[in-house]
């Protein structure tokens, strides 16, 4: 029997919000030359088994990944599509800015291309295999509206929405908080209705090492909070004073078992809420944040005059290949 023709998709894994491989938050990035069957997005994300898999889509048939500046972008966890993912947006921009495979499919066709080219230099070889997107700013059309990513020398800047967090009555979320962190001292609780994230600020008596080592029970959270109001839990503390090895304005960890991710290593979407909260608390528009999961990641934050937020981070490409199915 003749084998069915297999789908072949360029796929990358990028560690976001870090300059070093195996730190930050890994995201898979798929480049879609053509429309993908709807159910395949979720199947691929489940196969990748990372907190998010991003799918970059051409908006028009004449678009191409090296010259166009506007693309569709969707994000999937292993269990569902999500409305916003900062680290997978950063990873997607990094792939387009730094590593795009062209359509040369076989070694033979490569040799033919080189043979008929006017030059046989190594640089020409490189332009055949990989090209970078020529634009300094990319626009992604997403479920959260248009998001922009711009290239800078020391990283990629994401232009993201800034979401306010309102005071939250403790008794309404007491069971959720106690299930997650027991009797850990809580200083403030805020809720972001736009993102359905609960922000829990721990006591200022705690430091970074306490937050890093805190055991958080996420397994039962979807059963304790099953109303749909909360879909993500942010734990945060104020940064340590200047004079430390590296000063950060605030620290955080993020948990979203409602989307099948117990703890997310570094989370851009959580910082769209954290940036709003800590800017008010500290009276600052520019901040340096660290998400202290086991992998860890840094984010440079700048609140914009238009009510949005710029979040800058690094990216490290750790895998590139072809997905066949």
C-alpha atoms as a PDB file:
ATOM      1  CA  UNK A   1       0.000   0.000   0.000  1.00  0.00           C
ATOM      2  CA  UNK A   2       1.154   3.488  -0.784  1.00  0.00           C
ATOM      3  CA  UNK A   3       1.994   5.484   2.330  1.00  0.00           C
ATOM      4  CA  UNK A   4      -0.049   8.627   2.895  1.00  0.00           C
ATOM      5  CA  UNK A   5       1.893  11.819   2.256  1.00  0.00           C
ATOM      6  CA  UNK A   6       3.217  13.180   5.525  1.00  0.00           C
ATOM      7  CA  UNK A   7       2.900  16.752   6.687  1.00  0.00           C
ATOM      8  CA  UNK A   8       6.229  18.480   7.195  1.00  0.00           C
ATOM      9  CA  UNK A   9       6.446  21.592   9.366  1.00  0.00           C
ATOM     10  CA  UNK A  10       9.548  23.556  10.400  1.00  0.00           C
ATOM     11  CA  UNK A  11       9.641  23.500  14.195  1.00  0.00           C
ATOM     12  CA  UNK A  12      11.888  25.157  16.762  1.00  0.00           C
ATOM     13  CA  UNK A  13      12.258  25.147  20.526  1.00  0.00           C
ATOM     14  CA  UNK A  14      13.356  28.456  22.033  1.00  0.00           C
ATOM     15  CA  UNK A  15      14.163  29.250  25.660  1.00  0.00           C
ATOM     16  CA  UNK A  16      12.583  32.663  26.283  1.00  0.00           C
ATOM     17  CA  UNK A  17      13.481  35.378  28.808  1.00  0.00           C
ATOM     18  CA  UNK A  18      17.052  34.142  29.077  1.00  0.00           C
ATOM     19  CA  UNK A  19      20.303  34.419  27.163  1.00  0.00           C
ATOM     20  CA  UNK A  20      21.399  30.895  28.140  1.00  0.00           C
ATOM     21  CA  UNK A  21      20.071  27.559  26.928  1.00  0.00           C
ATOM     22  CA  UNK A  22      18.172  25.422  29.450  1.00  0.00           C
ATOM     23  CA  UNK A  23      17.049  28.452  31.429  1.00  0.00           C
ATOM     24  CA  UNK A  24      14.001  30.678  30.982  1.00  0.00           C
ATOM     25  CA  UNK A  25      10.794  29.238  29.551  1.00  0.00           C
ATOM     26  CA  UNK A  26      10.892  26.851  26.576  1.00  0.00           C
ATOM     27  CA  UNK A  27       8.303  27.220  23.830  1.00  0.00           C
ATOM     28  CA  UNK A  28       7.859  25.285  20.615  1.00  0.00           C
ATOM     29  CA  UNK A  29       7.337  27.397  17.488  1.00  0.00           C
ATOM     30  CA  UNK A  30       5.780  26.045  14.265  1.00  0.00           C
ATOM     31  CA  UNK A  31       5.890  27.919  10.958  1.00  0.00           C
ATOM     32  CA  UNK A  32       2.746  27.305   8.911  1.00  0.00           C
ATOM     33  CA  UNK A  33       3.171  27.754   5.166  1.00  0.00           C
ATOM     34  CA  UNK A  34      -0.414  26.574   4.708  1.00  0.00           C
ATOM     35  CA  UNK A  35      -3.550  26.351   6.830  1.00  0.00           C
ATOM     36  CA  UNK A  36      -3.437  23.550   9.382  1.00  0.00           C
ATOM     37  CA  UNK A  37      -6.388  21.324  10.231  1.00  0.00           C
ATOM     38  CA  UNK A  38      -7.918  22.808  13.381  1.00  0.00           C
ATOM     39  CA  UNK A  39      -7.462  19.711  15.545  1.00  0.00           C
ATOM     40  CA  UNK A  40      -3.787  19.414  14.572  1.00  0.00           C
ATOM     41  CA  UNK A  41      -2.829  22.480  16.625  1.00  0.00           C
ATOM     42  CA  UNK A  42      -3.836  20.768  19.849  1.00  0.00           C
ATOM     43  CA  UNK A  43      -2.359  17.415  18.823  1.00  0.00           C
ATOM     44  CA  UNK A  44       1.015  19.008  18.080  1.00  0.00           C
ATOM     45  CA  UNK A  45       0.972  20.991  21.349  1.00  0.00           C
ATOM     46  CA  UNK A  46       0.214  17.808  23.277  1.00  0.00           C
ATOM     47  CA  UNK A  47       3.071  16.031  21.489  1.00  0.00           C
ATOM     48  CA  UNK A  48       5.508  18.865  22.270  1.00  0.00           C
ATOM     49  CA  UNK A  49       4.369  18.769  25.925  1.00  0.00           C
ATOM     50  CA  UNK A  50       5.739  22.230  26.717  1.00  0.00           C
ATOM     51  CA  UNK A  51       3.818  24.922  28.554  1.00  0.00           C
ATOM     52  CA  UNK A  52       3.055  26.509  25.160  1.00  0.00           C
ATOM     53  CA  UNK A  53       3.412  25.740  21.478  1.00  0.00           C
ATOM     54  CA  UNK A  54       3.084  28.716  19.128  1.00  0.00           C
ATOM     55  CA  UNK A  55       1.835  28.601  15.554  1.00  0.00           C
ATOM     56  CA  UNK A  56       2.883  31.417  13.217  1.00  0.00           C
ATOM     57  CA  UNK A  57       0.510  31.767  10.267  1.00  0.00           C
ATOM     58  CA  UNK A  58       0.723  33.757   7.058  1.00  0.00           C
ATOM     59  CA  UNK A  59      -2.202  36.158   6.767  1.00  0.00           C
ATOM     60  CA  UNK A  60      -2.162  36.251   2.957  1.00  0.00           C
ATOM     61  CA  UNK A  61      -1.005  33.709   0.337  1.00  0.00           C
ATOM     62  CA  UNK A  62       1.623  36.131  -0.981  1.00  0.00           C
ATOM     63  CA  UNK A  63       3.218  36.658   2.454  1.00  0.00           C
ATOM     64  CA  UNK A  64       6.584  35.119   3.285  1.00  0.00           C
ATOM     65  CA  UNK A  65       8.432  34.656   6.542  1.00  0.00           C
ATOM     66  CA  UNK A  66      11.495  36.685   5.576  1.00  0.00           C
ATOM     67  CA  UNK A  67       9.885  39.864   4.220  1.00  0.00           C
ATOM     68  CA  UNK A  68       6.384  40.196   5.672  1.00  0.00           C
ATOM     69  CA  UNK A  69       5.943  42.107   8.914  1.00  0.00           C
ATOM     70  CA  UNK A  70       2.512  40.913  10.052  1.00  0.00           C
ATOM     71  CA  UNK A  71       1.496  37.347  10.936  1.00  0.00           C
ATOM     72  CA  UNK A  72      -1.208  35.439  12.734  1.00  0.00           C
ATOM     73  CA  UNK A  73      -0.163  33.844  16.027  1.00  0.00           C
ATOM     74  CA  UNK A  74      -1.894  31.273  18.230  1.00  0.00           C
ATOM     75  CA  UNK A  75      -0.772  29.577  21.442  1.00  0.00           C
ATOM     76  CA  UNK A  76      -1.683  26.148  22.802  1.00  0.00           C
ATOM     77  CA  UNK A  77      -0.868  24.408  26.063  1.00  0.00           C
ATOM     78  CA  UNK A  78      -0.952  20.590  26.033  1.00  0.00           C
ATOM     79  CA  UNK A  79      -4.668  20.760  26.873  1.00  0.00           C
ATOM     80  CA  UNK A  80      -6.147  23.953  25.374  1.00  0.00           C
ATOM     81  CA  UNK A  81      -5.698  27.172  23.414  1.00  0.00           C
ATOM     82  CA  UNK A  82      -4.872  30.257  25.515  1.00  0.00           C
ATOM     83  CA  UNK A  83      -5.694  33.926  24.804  1.00  0.00           C
ATOM     84  CA  UNK A  84      -2.224  35.328  25.572  1.00  0.00           C
ATOM     85  CA  UNK A  85       1.294  33.958  26.004  1.00  0.00           C
ATOM     86  CA  UNK A  86       4.228  36.322  26.357  1.00  0.00           C
ATOM     87  CA  UNK A  87       7.129  33.866  26.331  1.00  0.00           C
ATOM     88  CA  UNK A  88       5.875  32.005  23.227  1.00  0.00           C
ATOM     89  CA  UNK A  89       5.423  35.386  21.483  1.00  0.00           C
ATOM     90  CA  UNK A  90       9.027  36.232  22.337  1.00  0.00           C
ATOM     91  CA  UNK A  91      10.113  32.809  21.068  1.00  0.00           C
ATOM     92  CA  UNK A  92       8.157  33.317  17.828  1.00  0.00           C
ATOM     93  CA  UNK A  93       9.774  36.695  17.216  1.00  0.00           C
ATOM     94  CA  UNK A  94      13.209  35.191  17.925  1.00  0.00           C
ATOM     95  CA  UNK A  95      12.662  32.503  15.291  1.00  0.00           C
ATOM     96  CA  UNK A  96      11.579  35.044  12.670  1.00  0.00           C
ATOM     97  CA  UNK A  97      14.330  37.520  13.529  1.00  0.00           C
ATOM     98  CA  UNK A  98      17.177  35.026  13.721  1.00  0.00           C
ATOM     99  CA  UNK A  99      16.478  31.680  12.062  1.00  0.00           C
ATOM    100  CA  UNK A 100      14.179  31.079   9.090  1.00  0.00           C
ATOM    101  CA  UNK A 101      14.606  27.992   6.922  1.00  0.00           C
ATOM    102  CA  UNK A 102      14.015  28.461   3.198  1.00  0.00           C
ATOM    103  CA  UNK A 103      12.336  26.019   0.865  1.00  0.00           C
ATOM    104  CA  UNK A 104      15.389  23.939  -0.112  1.00  0.00           C
ATOM    105  CA  UNK A 105      14.272  20.417   0.682  1.00  0.00           C
ATOM    106  CA  UNK A 106      17.057  18.078  -0.470  1.00  0.00           C
ATOM    107  CA  UNK A 107      20.832  18.048  -0.558  1.00  0.00           C
ATOM    108  CA  UNK A 108      20.667  17.480  -4.316  1.00  0.00           C
ATOM    109  CA  UNK A 109      18.598  20.614  -4.885  1.00  0.00           C
ATOM    110  CA  UNK A 110      21.037  22.523  -2.714  1.00  0.00           C
ATOM    111  CA  UNK A 111      23.973  21.377  -4.839  1.00  0.00           C
ATOM    112  CA  UNK A 112      22.087  22.344  -8.009  1.00  0.00           C
ATOM    113  CA  UNK A 113      21.337  25.777  -6.586  1.00  0.00           C
ATOM    114  CA  UNK A 114      24.962  26.345  -5.645  1.00  0.00           C
ATOM    115  CA  UNK A 115      26.189  25.042  -9.036  1.00  0.00           C
ATOM    116  CA  UNK A 116      24.040  27.456 -11.003  1.00  0.00           C
ATOM    117  CA  UNK A 117      24.647  30.411  -8.710  1.00  0.00           C
ATOM    118  CA  UNK A 118      27.107  33.095  -9.683  1.00  0.00           C
ATOM    119  CA  UNK A 119      29.007  32.608  -6.447  1.00  0.00           C
ATOM    120  CA  UNK A 120      29.941  29.468  -4.529  1.00  0.00           C
ATOM    121  CA  UNK A 121      30.961  31.185  -1.308  1.00  0.00           C
ATOM    122  CA  UNK A 122      30.038  30.000   2.160  1.00  0.00           C
ATOM    123  CA  UNK A 123      28.019  33.162   2.697  1.00  0.00           C
ATOM    124  CA  UNK A 124      25.856  32.317  -0.314  1.00  0.00           C
ATOM    125  CA  UNK A 125      25.407  28.826   1.127  1.00  0.00           C
ATOM    126  CA  UNK A 126      24.162  30.365   4.343  1.00  0.00           C
ATOM    127  CA  UNK A 127      21.656  32.607   2.563  1.00  0.00           C
ATOM    128  CA  UNK A 128      20.271  29.543   0.818  1.00  0.00           C
ATOM    129  CA  UNK A 129      19.696  27.649   4.033  1.00  0.00           C
ATOM    130  CA  UNK A 130      18.721  30.363   6.498  1.00  0.00           C
ATOM    131  CA  UNK A 131      17.328  33.853   6.158  1.00  0.00           C
ATOM    132  CA  UNK A 132      16.270  36.312   8.816  1.00  0.00           C
ATOM    133  CA  UNK A 133      13.172  38.443   8.720  1.00  0.00           C
ATOM    134  CA  UNK A 134      14.287  41.831   7.414  1.00  0.00           C
ATOM    135  CA  UNK A 135      11.937  43.943   9.554  1.00  0.00           C
ATOM    136  CA  UNK A 136      12.900  45.560  12.842  1.00  0.00           C
ATOM    137  CA  UNK A 137       9.330  45.273  14.176  1.00  0.00           C
ATOM    138  CA  UNK A 138       6.842  42.444  13.734  1.00  0.00           C
ATOM    139  CA  UNK A 139       3.096  42.531  14.375  1.00  0.00           C
ATOM    140  CA  UNK A 140       1.192  39.443  15.510  1.00  0.00           C
ATOM    141  CA  UNK A 141      -2.589  39.226  15.158  1.00  0.00           C
ATOM    142  CA  UNK A 142      -3.814  37.232  18.169  1.00  0.00           C
ATOM    143  CA  UNK A 143      -6.810  36.546  20.405  1.00  0.00           C
ATOM    144  CA  UNK A 144      -5.504  39.445  22.554  1.00  0.00           C
ATOM    145  CA  UNK A 145      -5.405  41.862  19.642  1.00  0.00           C
ATOM    146  CA  UNK A 146      -2.303  43.052  17.801  1.00  0.00           C
ATOM    147  CA  UNK A 147       0.970  42.480  19.639  1.00  0.00           C
ATOM    148  CA  UNK A 148       4.251  43.973  18.445  1.00  0.00           C
ATOM    149  CA  UNK A 149       7.779  42.640  18.881  1.00  0.00           C
ATOM    150  CA  UNK A 150      10.791  44.748  18.046  1.00  0.00           C
ATOM    151  CA  UNK A 151      14.392  43.740  17.714  1.00  0.00           C
ATOM    152  CA  UNK A 152      17.043  45.371  19.910  1.00  0.00           C
ATOM    153  CA  UNK A 153      20.726  44.575  20.359  1.00  0.00           C
ATOM    154  CA  UNK A 154      20.319  43.062  23.811  1.00  0.00           C
ATOM    155  CA  UNK A 155      16.990  41.305  23.342  1.00  0.00           C
ATOM    156  CA  UNK A 156      13.461  41.460  21.975  1.00  0.00           C
ATOM    157  CA  UNK A 157      10.852  43.916  23.257  1.00  0.00           C
ATOM    158  CA  UNK A 158       7.201  42.862  23.396  1.00  0.00           C
ATOM    159  CA  UNK A 159       4.481  45.533  23.339  1.00  0.00           C
ATOM    160  CA  UNK A 160       1.766  43.950  25.493  1.00  0.00           C
ATOM    161  CA  UNK A 161      -1.508  45.012  27.143  1.00  0.00           C
ATOM    162  CA  UNK A 162      -1.279  46.268  30.730  1.00  0.00           C
ATOM    163  CA  UNK A 163      -3.975  44.778  32.951  1.00  0.00           C
ATOM    164  CA  UNK A 164      -5.074  46.320  36.265  1.00  0.00           C
ATOM    165  CA  UNK A 165      -5.553  44.156  39.355  1.00  0.00           C
ATOM    166  CA  UNK A 166      -8.253  45.122  41.855  1.00  0.00           C
ATOM    167  CA  UNK A 167      -8.406  44.436  45.621  1.00  0.00           C
ATOM    168  CA  UNK A 168      -9.806  40.987  46.327  1.00  0.00           C
ATOM    169  CA  UNK A 169     -11.668  39.918  49.472  1.00  0.00           C
ATOM    170  CA  UNK A 170      -9.579  37.263  51.247  1.00  0.00           C
ATOM    171  CA  UNK A 171     -12.520  35.140  52.373  1.00  0.00           C
ATOM    172  CA  UNK A 172     -13.691  34.580  48.776  1.00  0.00           C
ATOM    173  CA  UNK A 173     -10.361  32.973  47.838  1.00  0.00           C
ATOM    174  CA  UNK A 174      -9.228  31.722  51.242  1.00  0.00           C
ATOM    175  CA  UNK A 175      -9.631  28.040  50.407  1.00  0.00           C
ATOM    176  CA  UNK A 176      -7.672  28.417  47.161  1.00  0.00           C
ATOM    177  CA  UNK A 177      -4.808  30.255  48.867  1.00  0.00           C
ATOM    178  CA  UNK A 178      -4.600  27.901  51.845  1.00  0.00           C
ATOM    179  CA  UNK A 179      -4.675  24.873  49.538  1.00  0.00           C
ATOM    180  CA  UNK A 180      -1.787  26.330  47.524  1.00  0.00           C
ATOM    181  CA  UNK A 181       0.501  27.755  50.238  1.00  0.00           C
ATOM    182  CA  UNK A 182      -0.895  26.717  53.622  1.00  0.00           C
ATOM    183  CA  UNK A 183      -0.280  29.245  56.392  1.00  0.00           C
ATOM    184  CA  UNK A 184       2.284  31.332  54.482  1.00  0.00           C
ATOM    185  CA  UNK A 185       1.813  34.980  55.436  1.00  0.00           C
ATOM    186  CA  UNK A 186      -0.080  37.058  52.867  1.00  0.00           C
ATOM    187  CA  UNK A 187       0.253  40.835  52.616  1.00  0.00           C
ATOM    188  CA  UNK A 188      -2.044  41.713  49.718  1.00  0.00           C
ATOM    189  CA  UNK A 189      -4.460  40.030  47.292  1.00  0.00           C
ATOM    190  CA  UNK A 190      -5.502  41.389  43.920  1.00  0.00           C
ATOM    191  CA  UNK A 191      -7.615  39.999  41.076  1.00  0.00           C
ATOM    192  CA  UNK A 192      -7.329  40.733  37.354  1.00  0.00           C
ATOM    193  CA  UNK A 193     -10.716  40.139  35.676  1.00  0.00           C
ATOM    194  CA  UNK A 194      -9.249  40.637  32.198  1.00  0.00           C
ATOM    195  CA  UNK A 195      -6.804  37.754  32.597  1.00  0.00           C
ATOM    196  CA  UNK A 196      -8.570  35.786  35.378  1.00  0.00           C
ATOM    197  CA  UNK A 197      -5.328  35.794  37.367  1.00  0.00           C
ATOM    198  CA  UNK A 198      -5.167  35.988  41.156  1.00  0.00           C
ATOM    199  CA  UNK A 199      -2.158  37.958  42.443  1.00  0.00           C
ATOM    200  CA  UNK A 200      -1.063  37.043  45.971  1.00  0.00           C
ATOM    201  CA  UNK A 201       1.662  39.223  47.473  1.00  0.00           C
ATOM    202  CA  UNK A 202       3.453  37.429  50.270  1.00  0.00           C
ATOM    203  CA  UNK A 203       4.716  39.192  53.399  1.00  0.00           C
ATOM    204  CA  UNK A 204       7.633  41.596  52.992  1.00  0.00           C
ATOM    205  CA  UNK A 205       9.398  39.547  55.665  1.00  0.00           C
ATOM    206  CA  UNK A 206      10.030  36.862  53.035  1.00  0.00           C
ATOM    207  CA  UNK A 207      12.982  36.990  50.638  1.00  0.00           C
ATOM    208  CA  UNK A 208      13.838  35.467  47.283  1.00  0.00           C
ATOM    209  CA  UNK A 209      15.203  32.223  48.698  1.00  0.00           C
ATOM    210  CA  UNK A 210      11.954  31.686  50.625  1.00  0.00           C
ATOM    211  CA  UNK A 211       9.855  32.125  47.479  1.00  0.00           C
ATOM    212  CA  UNK A 212      12.163  29.861  45.475  1.00  0.00           C
ATOM    213  CA  UNK A 213      11.929  27.033  47.996  1.00  0.00           C
ATOM    214  CA  UNK A 214       8.220  27.419  48.816  1.00  0.00           C
ATOM    215  CA  UNK A 215       6.284  24.186  48.208  1.00  0.00           C
ATOM    216  CA  UNK A 216       3.108  25.033  46.326  1.00  0.00           C
ATOM    217  CA  UNK A 217       0.297  22.501  46.049  1.00  0.00           C
ATOM    218  CA  UNK A 218      -1.245  22.932  42.598  1.00  0.00           C
ATOM    219  CA  UNK A 219      -2.740  19.484  42.148  1.00  0.00           C
ATOM    220  CA  UNK A 220      -6.061  20.241  43.813  1.00  0.00           C
ATOM    221  CA  UNK A 221      -6.503  23.854  42.723  1.00  0.00           C
ATOM    222  CA  UNK A 222      -8.802  23.134  39.733  1.00  0.00           C
ATOM    223  CA  UNK A 223     -11.150  21.261  42.082  1.00  0.00           C
ATOM    224  CA  UNK A 224     -11.027  23.940  44.803  1.00  0.00           C
ATOM    225  CA  UNK A 225     -11.633  26.758  42.269  1.00  0.00           C
ATOM    226  CA  UNK A 226     -13.940  25.398  39.578  1.00  0.00           C
ATOM    227  CA  UNK A 227     -16.105  28.467  38.946  1.00  0.00           C
ATOM    228  CA  UNK A 228     -13.932  29.734  36.083  1.00  0.00           C
ATOM    229  CA  UNK A 229     -13.116  32.966  37.906  1.00  0.00           C
ATOM    230  CA  UNK A 230      -9.438  32.094  38.491  1.00  0.00           C
ATOM    231  CA  UNK A 231      -7.274  30.503  35.803  1.00  0.00           C
ATOM    232  CA  UNK A 232      -3.836  31.491  37.087  1.00  0.00           C
ATOM    233  CA  UNK A 233      -2.165  32.043  40.465  1.00  0.00           C
ATOM    234  CA  UNK A 234       0.653  34.603  40.838  1.00  0.00           C
ATOM    235  CA  UNK A 235       2.800  34.600  43.969  1.00  0.00           C
ATOM    236  CA  UNK A 236       4.993  37.665  44.329  1.00  0.00           C
ATOM    237  CA  UNK A 237       7.249  39.457  46.801  1.00  0.00           C
ATOM    238  CA  UNK A 238       8.939  42.818  46.880  1.00  0.00           C
ATOM    239  CA  UNK A 239      12.519  42.937  45.646  1.00  0.00           C
ATOM    240  CA  UNK A 240      15.507  43.064  47.946  1.00  0.00           C
ATOM    241  CA  UNK A 241      17.346  46.324  48.680  1.00  0.00           C
ATOM    242  CA  UNK A 242      20.127  47.635  46.465  1.00  0.00           C
ATOM    243  CA  UNK A 243      23.539  46.247  47.314  1.00  0.00           C
ATOM    244  CA  UNK A 244      22.640  42.636  46.538  1.00  0.00           C
ATOM    245  CA  UNK A 245      24.562  40.865  43.767  1.00  0.00           C
ATOM    246  CA  UNK A 246      21.816  41.938  41.370  1.00  0.00           C
ATOM    247  CA  UNK A 247      18.866  44.031  42.470  1.00  0.00           C
ATOM    248  CA  UNK A 248      15.369  43.223  41.226  1.00  0.00           C
ATOM    249  CA  UNK A 249      12.271  45.289  41.906  1.00  0.00           C
ATOM    250  CA  UNK A 250      10.100  42.234  42.489  1.00  0.00           C
ATOM    251  CA  UNK A 251      10.084  38.439  42.287  1.00  0.00           C
ATOM    252  CA  UNK A 252       7.319  36.066  41.285  1.00  0.00           C
ATOM    253  CA  UNK A 253       6.220  32.520  40.528  1.00  0.00           C
ATOM    254  CA  UNK A 254       3.227  31.536  38.401  1.00  0.00           C
ATOM    255  CA  UNK A 255       0.922  28.499  38.481  1.00  0.00           C
ATOM    256  CA  UNK A 256      -1.830  27.571  36.041  1.00  0.00           C
ATOM    257  CA  UNK A 257      -2.996  23.977  36.574  1.00  0.00           C
ATOM    258  CA  UNK A 258      -6.365  25.023  35.070  1.00  0.00           C
ATOM    259  CA  UNK A 259      -4.548  24.981  31.702  1.00  0.00           C
ATOM    260  CA  UNK A 260      -2.581  21.809  32.446  1.00  0.00           C
ATOM    261  CA  UNK A 261       0.611  23.620  33.520  1.00  0.00           C
ATOM    262  CA  UNK A 262       1.480  23.161  37.207  1.00  0.00           C
ATOM    263  CA  UNK A 263       4.165  25.882  37.243  1.00  0.00           C
ATOM    264  CA  UNK A 264       5.173  28.034  34.305  1.00  0.00           C
ATOM    265  CA  UNK A 265       8.910  28.880  34.383  1.00  0.00           C
ATOM    266  CA  UNK A 266       8.763  32.506  33.110  1.00  0.00           C
ATOM    267  CA  UNK A 267       5.481  34.139  32.159  1.00  0.00           C
ATOM    268  CA  UNK A 268       5.040  37.262  30.056  1.00  0.00           C
ATOM    269  CA  UNK A 269       1.253  37.312  30.502  1.00  0.00           C
ATOM    270  CA  UNK A 270       1.574  37.250  34.311  1.00  0.00           C
ATOM    271  CA  UNK A 271       3.821  40.301  34.072  1.00  0.00           C
ATOM    272  CA  UNK A 272       1.111  42.247  32.258  1.00  0.00           C
ATOM    273  CA  UNK A 273      -0.619  42.139  35.670  1.00  0.00           C
ATOM    274  CA  UNK A 274       2.499  42.284  37.874  1.00  0.00           C
ATOM    275  CA  UNK A 275       3.776  45.363  36.022  1.00  0.00           C
ATOM    276  CA  UNK A 276       0.581  47.252  36.755  1.00  0.00           C
ATOM    277  CA  UNK A 277       0.575  46.249  40.433  1.00  0.00           C
ATOM    278  CA  UNK A 278       4.239  46.871  41.238  1.00  0.00           C
ATOM    279  CA  UNK A 279       4.356  50.143  39.303  1.00  0.00           C
ATOM    280  CA  UNK A 280       1.655  51.474  41.633  1.00  0.00           C
ATOM    281  CA  UNK A 281       3.293  50.016  44.748  1.00  0.00           C
ATOM    282  CA  UNK A 282       6.822  51.222  43.969  1.00  0.00           C
ATOM    283  CA  UNK A 283       6.006  54.406  42.079  1.00  0.00           C
ATOM    284  CA  UNK A 284       8.182  53.298  39.151  1.00  0.00           C
ATOM    285  CA  UNK A 285       7.636  53.069  35.398  1.00  0.00           C
ATOM    286  CA  UNK A 286      10.795  51.059  34.645  1.00  0.00           C
ATOM    287  CA  UNK A 287      11.427  47.856  36.580  1.00  0.00           C
ATOM    288  CA  UNK A 288      13.623  44.771  36.552  1.00  0.00           C
ATOM    289  CA  UNK A 289      11.846  41.536  37.463  1.00  0.00           C
ATOM    290  CA  UNK A 290      12.907  37.952  38.115  1.00  0.00           C
ATOM    291  CA  UNK A 291      10.607  34.934  37.982  1.00  0.00           C
ATOM    292  CA  UNK A 292      12.217  32.484  40.354  1.00  0.00           C
ATOM    293  CA  UNK A 293      11.104  29.083  39.135  1.00  0.00           C
ATOM    294  CA  UNK A 294      13.747  26.353  39.014  1.00  0.00           C
ATOM    295  CA  UNK A 295      14.769  27.545  35.510  1.00  0.00           C
ATOM    296  CA  UNK A 296      14.484  31.262  36.275  1.00  0.00           C
ATOM    297  CA  UNK A 297      14.184  34.207  33.923  1.00  0.00           C
ATOM    298  CA  UNK A 298      14.656  37.987  33.770  1.00  0.00           C
ATOM    299  CA  UNK A 299      12.278  40.582  32.412  1.00  0.00           C
ATOM    300  CA  UNK A 300      12.929  44.287  31.855  1.00  0.00           C
ATOM    301  CA  UNK A 301       9.699  46.249  32.123  1.00  0.00           C
ATOM    302  CA  UNK A 302       8.772  49.724  30.920  1.00  0.00           C
ATOM    303  CA  UNK A 303       5.264  51.144  31.241  1.00  0.00           C
ATOM    304  CA  UNK A 304       4.303  53.079  28.121  1.00  0.00           C
ATOM    305  CA  UNK A 305       2.469  56.430  27.905  1.00  0.00           C
ATOM    306  CA  UNK A 306      -0.293  54.742  25.867  1.00  0.00           C
ATOM    307  CA  UNK A 307      -1.276  52.486  28.773  1.00  0.00           C
ATOM    308  CA  UNK A 308       0.503  49.381  27.529  1.00  0.00           C
ATOM    309  CA  UNK A 309       3.753  47.788  28.699  1.00  0.00           C
ATOM    310  CA  UNK A 310       7.059  46.946  27.018  1.00  0.00           C
ATOM    311  CA  UNK A 311       8.616  43.722  28.292  1.00  0.00           C
ATOM    312  CA  UNK A 312      12.128  42.900  27.131  1.00  0.00           C
ATOM    313  CA  UNK A 313      13.828  39.528  27.299  1.00  0.00           C
ATOM    314  CA  UNK A 314      16.486  37.394  25.693  1.00  0.00           C
ATOM    315  CA  UNK A 315      16.033  34.156  23.766  1.00  0.00           C
ATOM    316  CA  UNK A 316      18.152  31.061  23.130  1.00  0.00           C
ATOM    317  CA  UNK A 317      17.386  28.681  20.255  1.00  0.00           C
ATOM    318  CA  UNK A 318      17.943  25.106  21.490  1.00  0.00           C
ATOM    319  CA  UNK A 319      16.351  22.923  18.808  1.00  0.00           C
ATOM    320  CA  UNK A 320      15.390  23.148  15.157  1.00  0.00           C
ATOM    321  CA  UNK A 321      13.983  20.488  12.922  1.00  0.00           C
ATOM    322  CA  UNK A 322      10.998  19.195  10.965  1.00  0.00           C
ATOM    323  CA  UNK A 323       7.770  17.892  12.411  1.00  0.00           C
ATOM    324  CA  UNK A 324       6.337  15.009  10.360  1.00  0.00           C
ATOM    325  CA  UNK A 325       2.885  13.558  10.890  1.00  0.00           C
END
